[in-house]
Amino acid sequence: MSQADNGFDLAVIGSGGGAFAAAIAARRKGRSVAMVERATTGGTCVNTGCVPSKALLAAAGARRGALDGQRFPGIRTEAGPVDFDALIDGKDKLVQEMRAEKYTDLATEYGWDILPGTARFTGDRDDPALDVTPGDGGGSRRIHAAHYLIATGSAPWAPPVDGLAEAGYLTSTTAMDLDVLPESLLVLGAGYVGLEQAQLFARLSTRVTVVARSRLASGEEPEISAALQDVFADEGITVHTHTRLTTVRRDSGGIVATARTREGRRLELRADELLVATGRRPVTDGLNLEAVGVTTGARGEVVVDGQLRTANRRIWAAGDVTGHPQFVYVASAHGALIADNAFDGTGRTVDYRHLPRVTFTTPAIASAGLTDAEAVAQGYTCDCRVLPLPYVPRALVNRDTRGLIKLVADAATGRLLGAHVLADGAGDVIATAVYALAGGMTVRQMADLWCPYLTMAEGLKLAAQTYTRDVTKLSCCAA
């Protein structure tokens, strides 16, 4: 028997960053909210994405630092074997604490219920509703609302490789829940997930091989890709770029994969486990979107306009499910914007021009604005400068000069168009560049601004100074 609920202002499918941002914004406006979650509250970020992966990366980085016992004169360190059970248990406890503090407890505080179950649209374009079926097989519940938000996120996607499904493989989710640390790991994919996971396991003592269809971090500047490949080589990670996996099978010894290089050379690769990190796809299965007039795109993404409204004026979408950049801060911005547009008619849109991105390798990759190639494609004549980290004092005192800073500027005006960093703390550095980009600053203005000495952000100032002077002949304070 179905129970009907009427009178909600907003019904949300999903409980991740975008869902919570919209629900909080709606409650602050005095609006009633119902939220449906078919799995674990909190979505990808806190449960299987940002939080657990960065926690494990920090732990692996600490072990790597201990193994690098002669980095600083007079300081000797060492690291014993990894207690993998304790490491995973610690990660799980952190996730549970943050899920409670940042999600379930907040829903209680703001005053909305999270309904466990699978949501499916019913009705028609003019009168949509949600049927919610609980996982325990109990009676379904029908929810009516003035507005609906699809915030169902994305899930790992695997390419069509012969034998892959039969052999079995890990994803970024399941890799962080292993019971035993594998002795060897084959990683397919060299985007941010593949790179982070490859270095994570390598620093925990696993022998890692990466297979990349193009170059490492192919969306970044080629100088960053090349420098990162050198870092991986130094850490014992084998990399095959411009290589495609052709077949996969599993035998008594583990995974056996064949691959083909760009030159046509055949490789046979063996490992205990295979991690597929080739991207994610929006999750829309079972939502019955066509019944209420919501359209999807080629990759299954919910099609939205600039205000994040679907083809049905009462239904909105936020986060990964829209096919927009897959960052939790994008999803959260979407959620808050939708609440304003739905309830206040503000007509807000999202400006992605200066959106930063970070890959949490060591050194980390961070970028904002246009790459050199993107700027040329948009008609700019570019003036680009690359500053190697040996010219950044912070890197020298850290005794780690692996990396670089690249600035992309408009040759006609000197205006900064993009900033790209491979360095320790690159994510913090790029936040400074975002403000420079948003403010329309020129590289000369950046070169003349105050910047504290012995910070990595000083590298941005130094890189800007390369446009007008020889930084190799400056004193230590970059004046």
Protein backbone atom coordinates (compact mmCIF):
# COMPACT_ATOMS: atom_id res chain seq x y z
CA MET A 1 0.00 0.00 0.00
CA SER A 2 1.32 3.43 -0.90
CA GLN A 3 1.48 6.30 1.56
CA ALA A 4 1.20 9.82 0.06
CA ASP A 5 3.07 12.88 1.34
CA ASN A 6 1.96 16.29 0.13
CA GLY A 7 3.12 19.81 0.56
CA PHE A 8 6.93 19.59 0.35
CA ASP A 9 8.57 22.56 -1.26
CA LEU A 10 11.60 20.53 -2.38
CA ALA A 11 12.12 16.80 -2.83
CA VAL A 12 15.76 15.77 -3.33
CA ILE A 13 17.03 12.50 -4.78
CA GLY A 14 20.50 11.86 -3.35
CA SER A 15 22.33 13.01 -0.24
CA GLY A 16 25.75 14.23 -1.37
CA GLY A 17 27.25 17.70 -1.52
CA GLY A 18 24.80 19.16 -4.04
CA ALA A 19 21.79 17.61 -2.34
CA PHE A 20 22.77 18.95 1.08
CA ALA A 21 23.67 22.41 -0.20
CA ALA A 22 20.23 22.72 -1.82
CA ALA A 23 18.41 21.35 1.23
CA ILE A 24 20.24 23.66 3.65
CA ALA A 25 19.61 26.69 1.42
CA ALA A 26 15.93 25.75 1.13
CA ARG A 27 15.53 25.31 4.90
CA ARG A 28 17.16 28.69 5.47
CA LYS A 29 14.41 30.13 3.32
CA GLY A 30 11.82 28.40 5.50
CA ARG A 31 11.00 25.78 2.87
CA SER A 32 10.11 22.16 3.63
CA VAL A 33 12.41 19.42 2.34
CA ALA A 34 12.24 15.68 1.78
CA MET A 35 15.43 13.79 0.84
CA VAL A 36 15.69 10.25 -0.55
CA GLU A 37 18.87 8.14 -0.40
CA ARG A 38 19.07 4.57 -1.69
CA ALA A 39 22.56 3.83 -0.33
CA THR A 40 24.71 5.59 2.29
CA THR A 41 24.06 9.17 3.34
CA GLY A 42 26.74 11.62 2.25
CA GLY A 43 27.32 10.71 -1.37
CA THR A 44 30.67 10.06 -3.04
CA CYS A 45 32.86 12.71 -1.41
CA VAL A 46 32.68 11.70 2.21
CA ASN A 47 32.10 7.96 1.70
CA THR A 48 34.19 6.80 -1.24
CA GLY A 49 35.89 9.86 -2.75
CA CYS A 50 37.63 12.92 -1.38
CA VAL A 51 37.72 12.13 2.33
CA PRO A 52 38.87 8.49 2.34
CA SER A 53 41.29 8.88 -0.57
CA LYS A 54 42.99 11.98 0.84
CA ALA A 55 43.18 10.40 4.30
CA LEU A 56 44.98 7.39 2.84
CA LEU A 57 47.16 9.60 0.65
CA ALA A 58 48.25 11.56 3.73
CA ALA A 59 49.13 8.33 5.51
CA ALA A 60 51.04 7.01 2.50
CA GLY A 61 52.85 10.33 2.21
CA ALA A 62 53.95 10.11 5.85
CA ARG A 63 55.37 6.64 5.18
CA ARG A 64 57.17 7.86 2.08
CA GLY A 65 58.69 10.70 4.09
CA ALA A 66 59.93 8.24 6.69
CA LEU A 67 61.48 6.03 4.01
CA ASP A 68 63.23 9.06 2.50
CA GLY A 69 65.51 9.09 5.51
CA GLN A 70 68.31 11.25 4.13
CA ARG A 71 66.30 14.14 2.69
CA PHE A 72 67.41 16.49 5.47
CA PRO A 73 71.00 16.41 6.75
CA GLY A 74 71.17 15.23 10.34
CA ILE A 75 67.69 13.69 10.32
CA ARG A 76 67.36 9.94 9.78
CA THR A 77 64.03 8.15 9.66
CA GLU A 78 62.76 4.73 8.78
CA ALA A 79 59.41 3.02 8.20
CA GLY A 80 58.31 -0.48 9.06
CA PRO A 81 55.77 -2.64 7.22
CA VAL A 82 52.23 -1.36 6.69
CA ASP A 83 49.50 -2.55 9.04
CA PHE A 84 46.89 -2.42 6.29
CA ASP A 85 43.97 -3.49 8.49
CA ALA A 86 44.67 -0.67 10.95
CA LEU A 87 45.11 1.82 8.11
CA ILE A 88 41.75 0.95 6.52
CA ASP A 89 40.05 0.84 9.91
CA GLY A 90 41.30 4.34 10.69
CA LYS A 91 40.04 5.59 7.35
CA ASP A 92 36.63 4.03 7.99
CA LYS A 93 36.33 5.65 11.40
CA LEU A 94 37.20 9.07 9.98
CA VAL A 95 34.56 8.64 7.27
CA GLN A 96 31.92 7.64 9.84
CA GLU A 97 32.72 10.66 12.02
CA MET A 98 32.58 13.11 9.12
CA ARG A 99 29.41 11.54 7.71
CA ALA A 100 27.69 12.07 11.03
CA GLU A 101 29.05 15.56 11.67
CA LYS A 102 28.66 16.99 8.17
CA TYR A 103 25.59 15.13 6.94
CA THR A 104 23.21 13.12 9.13
CA ASP A 105 23.50 15.39 12.18
CA LEU A 106 23.08 18.49 9.99
CA ALA A 107 19.88 17.14 8.47
CA THR A 108 18.49 16.72 11.97
CA GLU A 109 19.63 20.19 13.00
CA TYR A 110 18.06 21.85 9.94
CA GLY A 111 14.91 19.77 10.25
CA TRP A 112 14.44 17.45 7.31
CA ASP A 113 14.13 13.68 7.04
CA ILE A 114 16.40 11.43 4.97
CA LEU A 115 14.17 8.68 3.63
CA PRO A 116 15.97 5.40 2.87
CA GLY A 117 14.88 3.87 -0.40
CA THR A 118 14.95 4.04 -4.18
CA ALA A 119 13.18 6.97 -5.80
CA ARG A 120 11.41 6.79 -9.14
CA PHE A 121 9.47 9.51 -10.91
CA THR A 122 5.84 8.83 -11.55
CA GLY A 123 2.96 10.86 -12.92
CA ASP A 124 3.59 12.96 -16.00
CA ARG A 125 5.28 16.16 -17.14
CA ASP A 126 2.58 18.39 -15.66
CA ASP A 127 2.17 16.52 -12.39
CA PRO A 128 5.40 14.73 -11.41
CA ALA A 129 5.77 12.84 -8.15
CA LEU A 130 8.23 10.41 -6.57
CA ASP A 131 7.58 6.84 -5.55
CA VAL A 132 10.04 5.79 -2.87
CA THR A 133 10.55 2.06 -2.33
CA PRO A 134 12.45 1.14 0.84
CA GLY A 135 15.19 -1.45 0.65
CA ASP A 136 13.57 -3.59 3.33
CA GLY A 137 10.64 -4.40 1.07
CA GLY A 138 8.16 -2.31 3.03
CA GLY A 139 5.36 -0.28 1.51
CA SER A 140 6.22 2.41 -1.02
CA ARG A 141 5.73 6.09 -0.31
CA ARG A 142 4.59 8.73 -2.77
CA ILE A 143 6.06 12.22 -2.43
CA HIS A 144 4.66 15.35 -4.03
CA ALA A 145 6.66 18.57 -4.11
CA ALA A 146 6.65 21.97 -5.74
CA HIS A 147 10.21 21.35 -7.00
CA TYR A 148 12.39 18.27 -7.42
CA LEU A 149 16.17 18.00 -7.46
CA ILE A 150 18.10 15.16 -9.09
CA ALA A 151 21.45 14.91 -7.28
CA THR A 152 22.32 11.26 -7.80
CA GLY A 153 25.99 11.79 -8.64
CA SER A 154 28.18 9.52 -10.74
CA ALA A 155 29.74 6.07 -10.57
CA PRO A 156 33.00 4.56 -11.84
CA TRP A 157 32.94 3.60 -15.51
CA ALA A 158 34.97 0.89 -17.24
CA PRO A 159 35.81 0.80 -20.96
CA PRO A 160 34.86 -2.15 -23.19
CA VAL A 161 38.03 -4.26 -22.87
CA ASP A 162 37.84 -7.91 -23.88
CA GLY A 163 37.63 -10.12 -20.78
CA LEU A 164 37.57 -7.26 -18.28
CA ALA A 165 34.18 -7.99 -16.75
CA GLU A 166 34.91 -11.71 -16.47
CA ALA A 167 38.33 -11.19 -14.88
CA GLY A 168 37.01 -8.69 -12.36
CA TYR A 169 38.63 -5.44 -11.35
CA LEU A 170 38.86 -2.82 -8.63
CA THR A 171 37.44 0.68 -8.79
CA SER A 172 38.48 3.70 -6.75
CA THR A 173 35.74 2.67 -4.31
CA THR A 174 36.60 -0.98 -3.83
CA ALA A 175 40.37 -0.41 -3.87
CA MET A 176 40.11 1.56 -0.64
CA ASP A 177 38.20 -1.29 1.04
CA LEU A 178 40.62 -4.14 0.28
CA ASP A 179 41.33 -6.61 3.07
CA VAL A 180 44.90 -7.26 1.97
CA LEU A 181 47.48 -4.90 0.50
CA PRO A 182 48.30 -6.26 -2.97
CA GLU A 183 51.94 -6.94 -3.78
CA SER A 184 51.40 -5.63 -7.31
CA LEU A 185 48.77 -3.44 -8.94
CA LEU A 186 48.00 -2.55 -12.54
CA VAL A 187 46.26 0.84 -12.88
CA LEU A 188 44.31 1.58 -16.04
CA GLY A 189 43.86 5.32 -16.44
CA ALA A 190 45.99 8.37 -15.71
CA GLY A 191 43.50 11.01 -14.71
CA TYR A 192 43.37 12.34 -11.18
CA VAL A 193 41.91 9.15 -9.68
CA GLY A 194 44.39 6.84 -11.38
CA LEU A 195 47.37 9.03 -10.50
CA GLU A 196 46.38 9.42 -6.85
CA GLN A 197 45.65 5.73 -6.39
CA ALA A 198 48.84 4.67 -8.17
CA GLN A 199 51.04 6.77 -5.92
CA LEU A 200 49.03 5.85 -2.83
CA PHE A 201 49.58 2.11 -3.28
CA ALA A 202 53.19 2.52 -4.41
CA ARG A 203 53.97 4.41 -1.20
CA LEU A 204 52.40 1.60 0.81
CA SER A 205 54.94 -0.82 -0.82
CA THR A 206 52.84 -2.18 -3.74
CA ARG A 207 54.59 -2.54 -7.12
CA VAL A 208 52.51 -0.33 -9.42
CA THR A 209 52.24 -0.15 -13.20
CA VAL A 210 50.16 2.57 -14.90
CA VAL A 211 48.70 2.21 -18.40
CA ALA A 212 47.66 5.55 -19.93
CA ARG A 213 45.80 5.98 -23.21
CA SER A 214 47.56 9.32 -23.70
CA ARG A 215 50.04 10.99 -21.34
CA LEU A 216 49.81 11.30 -17.58
CA ALA A 217 47.28 13.98 -16.59
CA SER A 218 46.44 14.59 -20.24
CA GLY A 219 44.20 17.54 -19.40
CA GLU A 220 47.12 19.42 -17.88
CA GLU A 221 50.02 21.21 -19.51
CA PRO A 222 52.54 18.84 -21.18
CA GLU A 223 55.35 20.19 -18.99
CA ILE A 224 53.44 19.02 -15.92
CA SER A 225 52.82 15.58 -17.43
CA ALA A 226 56.51 15.13 -18.20
CA ALA A 227 57.65 16.27 -14.77
CA LEU A 228 55.14 14.03 -13.00
CA GLN A 229 56.29 11.04 -15.05
CA ASP A 230 59.81 11.68 -13.77
CA VAL A 231 58.46 11.76 -10.20
CA PHE A 232 56.70 8.42 -10.71
CA ALA A 233 59.87 6.91 -12.16
CA ASP A 234 61.85 8.09 -9.12
CA GLU A 235 59.29 6.38 -6.87
CA GLY A 236 59.49 3.09 -8.76
CA ILE A 237 56.15 3.36 -10.57
CA THR A 238 56.25 1.90 -14.09
CA VAL A 239 54.36 4.00 -16.66
CA HIS A 240 53.24 3.03 -20.16
CA THR A 241 51.90 6.13 -21.94
CA HIS A 242 50.03 6.13 -25.28
CA THR A 243 49.09 2.52 -24.62
CA ARG A 244 45.73 0.72 -24.78
CA LEU A 245 44.66 -2.36 -22.86
CA THR A 246 43.36 -4.95 -25.34
CA THR A 247 42.54 -8.06 -23.28
CA VAL A 248 42.32 -9.04 -19.62
CA ARG A 249 42.12 -12.47 -17.99
CA ARG A 250 42.70 -13.89 -14.55
CA ASP A 251 44.71 -17.01 -13.79
CA SER A 252 46.03 -18.60 -10.60
CA GLY A 253 48.67 -15.88 -10.34
CA GLY A 254 46.29 -12.94 -10.67
CA ILE A 255 45.62 -10.55 -13.55
CA VAL A 256 47.16 -11.05 -16.98
CA ALA A 257 46.60 -8.12 -19.36
CA THR A 258 47.79 -7.51 -22.88
CA ALA A 259 48.33 -3.99 -24.17
CA ARG A 260 49.33 -2.31 -27.40
CA THR A 261 51.59 0.75 -27.57
CA ARG A 262 51.21 3.60 -30.04
CA GLU A 263 54.05 2.09 -32.07
CA GLY A 264 52.24 -1.25 -32.22
CA ARG A 265 54.38 -3.09 -29.68
CA ARG A 266 52.55 -5.78 -27.69
CA LEU A 267 52.96 -5.86 -23.90
CA GLU A 268 51.97 -8.54 -21.42
CA LEU A 269 51.39 -7.14 -17.95
CA ARG A 270 50.86 -9.16 -14.78
CA ALA A 271 49.65 -8.01 -11.36
CA ASP A 272 47.76 -9.25 -8.34
CA GLU A 273 44.97 -6.75 -8.95
CA LEU A 274 43.71 -4.41 -11.67
CA LEU A 275 42.35 -0.98 -10.78
CA VAL A 276 40.22 0.64 -13.49
CA ALA A 277 40.24 4.43 -13.17
CA THR A 278 38.95 5.57 -16.55
CA GLY A 279 36.35 8.07 -15.46
CA ARG A 280 32.84 8.22 -14.09
CA ARG A 281 29.37 8.35 -15.59
CA PRO A 282 26.19 10.01 -14.26
CA VAL A 283 23.81 7.79 -12.28
CA THR A 284 20.26 7.99 -13.62
CA ASP A 285 19.23 4.34 -13.78
CA GLY A 286 15.72 3.59 -12.61
CA LEU A 287 14.62 7.21 -12.23
CA ASN A 288 12.01 6.96 -15.03
CA LEU A 289 13.01 10.40 -16.28
CA GLU A 290 11.30 10.11 -19.64
CA ALA A 291 7.90 9.85 -17.97
CA VAL A 292 8.21 13.38 -16.60
CA GLY A 293 9.90 14.94 -19.63
CA VAL A 294 13.50 15.03 -18.37
CA THR A 295 16.05 14.41 -21.14
CA THR A 296 19.51 12.88 -20.92
CA GLY A 297 22.64 13.30 -23.03
CA ALA A 298 25.08 10.97 -24.75
CA ARG A 299 26.79 9.92 -21.53
CA GLY A 300 23.59 9.63 -19.55
CA GLU A 301 23.86 13.11 -18.02
CA VAL A 302 20.71 15.00 -17.14
CA VAL A 303 20.41 17.85 -19.61
CA VAL A 304 19.98 21.23 -17.88
CA ASP A 305 19.97 24.86 -18.92
CA GLY A 306 22.26 27.54 -17.53
CA GLN A 307 20.09 27.82 -14.41
CA LEU A 308 20.33 24.01 -13.88
CA ARG A 309 16.68 23.43 -14.73
CA THR A 310 15.76 20.36 -16.77
CA ALA A 311 13.25 20.25 -19.61
CA ASN A 312 10.60 19.98 -16.89
CA ARG A 313 10.34 23.37 -15.20
CA ARG A 314 9.75 21.82 -11.77
CA ILE A 315 12.73 19.48 -11.91
CA TRP A 316 16.36 20.56 -11.43
CA ALA A 317 19.69 18.73 -11.37
CA ALA A 318 22.98 19.36 -9.57
CA GLY A 319 26.49 17.96 -9.44
CA ASP A 320 28.04 15.07 -11.33
CA VAL A 321 24.72 13.90 -12.76
CA THR A 322 24.61 17.03 -14.95
CA GLY A 323 27.87 16.21 -16.72
CA HIS A 324 29.47 19.41 -15.42
CA PRO A 325 32.95 19.30 -13.77
CA GLN A 326 32.98 16.52 -11.20
CA PHE A 327 34.05 18.36 -8.05
CA VAL A 328 32.15 18.45 -4.79
CA TYR A 329 32.52 22.24 -4.64
CA VAL A 330 30.79 22.46 -8.03
CA ALA A 331 27.95 20.28 -6.76
CA SER A 332 27.59 22.42 -3.65
CA ALA A 333 27.53 25.62 -5.71
CA HIS A 334 24.87 24.03 -7.89
CA GLY A 335 22.70 23.15 -4.90
CA ALA A 336 22.73 26.64 -3.40
CA LEU A 337 22.07 28.21 -6.81
CA ILE A 338 19.09 25.95 -7.47
CA ALA A 339 17.45 26.92 -4.19
CA ASP A 340 17.74 30.59 -5.15
CA ASN A 341 16.42 30.00 -8.65
CA ALA A 342 13.57 27.72 -7.63
CA PHE A 343 12.24 29.73 -4.71
CA ASP A 344 13.35 33.31 -5.41
CA GLY A 345 13.43 33.34 -9.21
CA THR A 346 16.92 34.86 -9.24
CA GLY A 347 17.94 33.40 -12.62
CA ARG A 348 21.46 32.72 -11.40
CA THR A 349 23.96 30.81 -13.57
CA VAL A 350 27.34 29.21 -12.88
CA ASP A 351 30.58 30.77 -14.11
CA TYR A 352 33.21 28.04 -14.59
CA ARG A 353 35.87 30.28 -16.16
CA HIS A 354 38.20 30.36 -13.16
CA LEU A 355 37.30 26.97 -11.69
CA PRO A 356 40.36 25.45 -9.98
CA ARG A 357 41.20 21.74 -9.97
CA VAL A 358 43.67 19.79 -7.86
CA THR A 359 45.18 16.34 -8.16
CA PHE A 360 46.55 15.26 -4.78
CA THR A 361 49.69 13.52 -5.90
CA THR A 362 53.00 14.50 -4.33
CA PRO A 363 53.93 16.97 -5.66
CA ALA A 364 50.34 18.02 -6.29
CA ILE A 365 48.91 19.33 -9.55
CA ALA A 366 46.69 22.40 -9.52
CA SER A 367 45.34 24.52 -12.35
CA ALA A 368 42.91 27.33 -13.05
CA GLY A 369 42.00 29.18 -16.20
CA LEU A 370 43.15 28.30 -19.71
CA THR A 371 45.95 26.03 -20.80
CA ASP A 372 48.30 27.22 -23.52
CA ALA A 373 46.44 25.14 -26.13
CA GLU A 374 43.01 26.33 -24.95
CA ALA A 375 44.08 29.96 -25.11
CA VAL A 376 45.35 29.56 -28.68
CA ALA A 377 42.11 27.81 -29.66
CA GLN A 378 40.20 30.83 -28.33
CA GLY A 379 42.21 33.18 -30.53
CA TYR A 380 44.77 34.54 -28.07
CA THR A 381 48.41 35.05 -28.89
CA CYS A 382 49.97 33.54 -25.81
CA ASP A 383 53.02 34.52 -23.87
CA CYS A 384 53.77 31.56 -21.58
CA ARG A 385 56.49 31.23 -18.97
CA VAL A 386 57.62 28.15 -17.05
CA LEU A 387 59.44 28.55 -13.74
CA PRO A 388 61.15 25.38 -12.44
CA LEU A 389 60.86 24.93 -8.67
CA PRO A 390 64.63 25.19 -8.04
CA TYR A 391 64.05 28.96 -8.38
CA VAL A 392 61.42 29.00 -5.61
CA PRO A 393 63.01 29.42 -2.14
CA ARG A 394 60.27 27.45 -0.37
CA ALA A 395 61.07 24.41 -2.51
CA LEU A 396 64.77 24.80 -1.74
CA VAL A 397 64.29 24.81 2.03
CA ASN A 398 61.87 21.88 1.70
CA ARG A 399 64.68 20.09 -0.17
CA ASP A 400 62.17 19.05 -2.78
CA THR A 401 62.45 20.95 -6.05
CA ARG A 402 60.41 18.56 -8.16
CA GLY A 403 57.87 20.58 -10.11
CA LEU A 404 57.20 23.86 -11.86
CA ILE A 405 54.85 26.81 -12.24
CA LYS A 406 53.53 27.80 -15.65
CA LEU A 407 51.68 31.02 -16.41
CA VAL A 408 49.66 31.62 -19.58
CA ALA A 409 49.22 35.30 -20.46
CA ASP A 410 47.72 37.29 -23.32
CA ALA A 411 50.68 38.64 -25.28
CA ALA A 412 48.72 41.75 -26.30
CA THR A 413 47.63 42.90 -22.83
CA GLY A 414 49.67 40.88 -20.35
CA ARG A 415 46.44 39.67 -18.69
CA LEU A 416 46.74 36.35 -16.92
CA LEU A 417 44.75 33.64 -18.71
CA GLY A 418 45.79 30.54 -16.79
CA ALA A 419 48.03 29.22 -14.02
CA HIS A 420 49.36 25.68 -13.69
CA VAL A 421 51.34 24.34 -10.76
CA LEU A 422 53.16 21.12 -9.91
CA ALA A 423 54.43 21.58 -6.37
CA ASP A 424 53.96 20.75 -2.72
CA GLY A 425 50.84 22.62 -1.64
CA ALA A 426 49.81 23.39 -5.22
CA GLY A 427 46.15 23.47 -4.19
CA ASP A 428 46.81 26.35 -1.82
CA VAL A 429 48.90 28.16 -4.43
CA ILE A 430 46.18 27.96 -7.08
CA ALA A 431 43.68 29.69 -4.79
CA THR A 432 45.81 32.82 -5.14
CA ALA A 433 45.79 32.47 -8.92
CA VAL A 434 41.98 32.21 -8.94
CA TYR A 435 41.73 35.69 -7.40
CA ALA A 436 44.21 37.07 -9.94
CA LEU A 437 42.22 35.52 -12.80
CA ALA A 438 38.87 36.72 -11.47
CA GLY A 439 40.29 40.21 -11.01
CA GLY A 440 41.61 40.37 -14.57
CA MET A 441 45.14 41.04 -13.34
CA THR A 442 48.14 41.30 -15.61
CA VAL A 443 51.35 39.41 -14.95
CA ARG A 444 53.06 42.76 -14.26
CA GLN A 445 50.53 43.52 -11.52
CA MET A 446 51.10 40.06 -10.05
CA ALA A 447 54.85 40.63 -10.12
CA ASP A 448 54.49 43.85 -8.12
CA LEU A 449 52.09 42.61 -5.42
CA TRP A 450 53.11 41.76 -1.89
CA CYS A 451 53.80 38.08 -1.25
CA PRO A 452 55.26 36.60 1.94
CA TYR A 453 58.73 35.12 1.62
CA LEU A 454 59.28 31.39 1.94
CA THR A 455 55.80 30.41 0.85
CA MET A 456 55.07 28.31 -2.20
CA ALA A 457 52.64 31.01 -3.35
CA GLU A 458 55.68 33.24 -3.79
CA GLY A 459 56.37 31.07 -6.81
CA LEU A 460 53.45 32.77 -8.59
CA LYS A 461 55.06 36.16 -8.03
CA LEU A 462 58.40 34.85 -9.25
CA ALA A 463 56.81 33.29 -12.32
CA ALA A 464 55.15 36.63 -13.07
CA GLN A 465 58.48 38.40 -12.65
CA THR A 466 60.02 36.24 -15.39
CA TYR A 467 58.09 38.38 -17.89
CA THR A 468 60.20 41.44 -17.09
CA ARG A 469 63.43 40.23 -15.46
CA ASP A 470 65.84 37.37 -15.00
CA VAL A 471 64.78 35.75 -11.72
CA THR A 472 67.97 33.74 -11.56
CA LYS A 473 69.72 37.01 -10.76
CA LEU A 474 67.35 38.16 -7.99
CA SER A 475 68.16 38.07 -4.31
CA CYS A 476 66.24 35.65 -2.16
CA CYS A 477 63.25 37.91 -1.48
CA ALA A 478 61.94 38.19 -5.06
CA ALA A 479 61.79 41.98 -4.95
